[in-house]
């Protein structure tokens, strides 16, 4: 048996800003992450939920988005 789950994370707090050369853009990304991004642990919990289902259950799609709005 093969089960698959499509995980679609929204804005997740990552180290993306560290790879941006432009200081203004880097700062903007960091500020937006602080305001809007969900922690990576939220995605990990969703993945664990899908994996922990019994063998007769398949979670086909999970979309994870922050609830914070500006």
C-alpha atoms as a PDB file:
ATOM      1  CA  UNK A   1       0.000   0.000   0.000  1.00  0.00           C
ATOM      2  CA  UNK A   2       1.219   3.454  -0.875  1.00  0.00           C
ATOM      3  CA  UNK A   3      -0.176   6.612   0.684  1.00  0.00           C
ATOM      4  CA  UNK A   4       0.702  10.083  -0.528  1.00  0.00           C
ATOM      5  CA  UNK A   5       0.008  13.486   0.945  1.00  0.00           C
ATOM      6  CA  UNK A   6       0.521  16.832  -0.734  1.00  0.00           C
ATOM      7  CA  UNK A   7       1.691  19.410   1.808  1.00  0.00           C
ATOM      8  CA  UNK A   8       1.249  23.050   0.753  1.00  0.00           C
ATOM      9  CA  UNK A   9       2.752  25.349   3.348  1.00  0.00           C
ATOM     10  CA  UNK A  10       2.049  29.055   3.215  1.00  0.00           C
ATOM     11  CA  UNK A  11       4.398  31.658   4.625  1.00  0.00           C
ATOM     12  CA  UNK A  12       6.758  29.736   6.915  1.00  0.00           C
ATOM     13  CA  UNK A  13       9.494  31.276   9.021  1.00  0.00           C
ATOM     14  CA  UNK A  14      12.746  30.123   7.422  1.00  0.00           C
ATOM     15  CA  UNK A  15      16.294  31.328   6.844  1.00  0.00           C
ATOM     16  CA  UNK A  16      15.373  32.619   3.371  1.00  0.00           C
ATOM     17  CA  UNK A  17      16.358  36.190   4.236  1.00  0.00           C
ATOM     18  CA  UNK A  18      19.923  35.075   4.940  1.00  0.00           C
ATOM     19  CA  UNK A  19      20.402  34.258   1.249  1.00  0.00           C
ATOM     20  CA  UNK A  20      19.230  37.669  -0.013  1.00  0.00           C
ATOM     21  CA  UNK A  21      22.048  40.059  -0.933  1.00  0.00           C
ATOM     22  CA  UNK A  22      20.049  43.299  -0.990  1.00  0.00           C
ATOM     23  CA  UNK A  23      19.945  44.625   2.607  1.00  0.00           C
ATOM     24  CA  UNK A  24      16.595  46.412   2.149  1.00  0.00           C
ATOM     25  CA  UNK A  25      14.927  43.335   0.701  1.00  0.00           C
ATOM     26  CA  UNK A  26      16.493  41.140   3.379  1.00  0.00           C
ATOM     27  CA  UNK A  27      15.139  43.442   6.106  1.00  0.00           C
ATOM     28  CA  UNK A  28      11.690  43.508   4.500  1.00  0.00           C
ATOM     29  CA  UNK A  29      11.567  39.703   4.412  1.00  0.00           C
ATOM     30  CA  UNK A  30      12.628  39.496   8.059  1.00  0.00           C
ATOM     31  CA  UNK A  31       9.984  42.017   9.130  1.00  0.00           C
ATOM     32  CA  UNK A  32       7.244  40.219   7.204  1.00  0.00           C
ATOM     33  CA  UNK A  33       8.281  36.858   8.621  1.00  0.00           C
ATOM     34  CA  UNK A  34       8.113  38.293  12.123  1.00  0.00           C
ATOM     35  CA  UNK A  35       4.576  39.568  11.458  1.00  0.00           C
ATOM     36  CA  UNK A  36       3.019  36.857   9.308  1.00  0.00           C
ATOM     37  CA  UNK A  37       5.016  33.631   9.095  1.00  0.00           C
ATOM     38  CA  UNK A  38       4.070  30.442  10.878  1.00  0.00           C
ATOM     39  CA  UNK A  39       6.758  28.478  12.702  1.00  0.00           C
ATOM     40  CA  UNK A  40       8.270  25.437  10.975  1.00  0.00           C
ATOM     41  CA  UNK A  41       6.935  23.334  13.864  1.00  0.00           C
ATOM     42  CA  UNK A  42       3.400  23.978  12.568  1.00  0.00           C
ATOM     43  CA  UNK A  43       4.304  22.279   9.298  1.00  0.00           C
ATOM     44  CA  UNK A  44       6.001  19.450  11.184  1.00  0.00           C
ATOM     45  CA  UNK A  45       2.841  18.884  13.251  1.00  0.00           C
ATOM     46  CA  UNK A  46       0.743  18.683  10.082  1.00  0.00           C
ATOM     47  CA  UNK A  47       3.140  16.155   8.558  1.00  0.00           C
ATOM     48  CA  UNK A  48       3.114  14.096  11.751  1.00  0.00           C
ATOM     49  CA  UNK A  49      -0.693  14.167  11.710  1.00  0.00           C
ATOM     50  CA  UNK A  50      -0.772  12.769   8.160  1.00  0.00           C
ATOM     51  CA  UNK A  51       1.847  10.105   8.897  1.00  0.00           C
ATOM     52  CA  UNK A  52       0.170   9.021  12.132  1.00  0.00           C
ATOM     53  CA  UNK A  53      -3.125   8.108  10.478  1.00  0.00           C
ATOM     54  CA  UNK A  54      -4.164   4.451  10.532  1.00  0.00           C
ATOM     55  CA  UNK A  55      -3.354   2.330   7.487  1.00  0.00           C
ATOM     56  CA  UNK A  56      -6.884   2.653   6.119  1.00  0.00           C
ATOM     57  CA  UNK A  57      -6.773   6.486   6.077  1.00  0.00           C
ATOM     58  CA  UNK A  58      -5.026   8.696   3.561  1.00  0.00           C
ATOM     59  CA  UNK A  59      -4.768  12.452   3.974  1.00  0.00           C
ATOM     60  CA  UNK A  60      -4.541  13.590   0.351  1.00  0.00           C
ATOM     61  CA  UNK A  61      -3.889  17.313   0.751  1.00  0.00           C
ATOM     62  CA  UNK A  62      -2.918  19.648   3.564  1.00  0.00           C
ATOM     63  CA  UNK A  63      -2.720  23.413   3.109  1.00  0.00           C
ATOM     64  CA  UNK A  64      -1.091  25.267   5.985  1.00  0.00           C
ATOM     65  CA  UNK A  65      -1.406  29.047   6.123  1.00  0.00           C
ATOM     66  CA  UNK A  66      -0.872  31.701   8.750  1.00  0.00           C
ATOM     67  CA  UNK A  67      -4.051  33.210  10.175  1.00  0.00           C
ATOM     68  CA  UNK A  68      -2.431  36.600  10.844  1.00  0.00           C
ATOM     69  CA  UNK A  69      -3.482  39.337   8.465  1.00  0.00           C
ATOM     70  CA  UNK A  70      -2.351  42.918   8.167  1.00  0.00           C
END
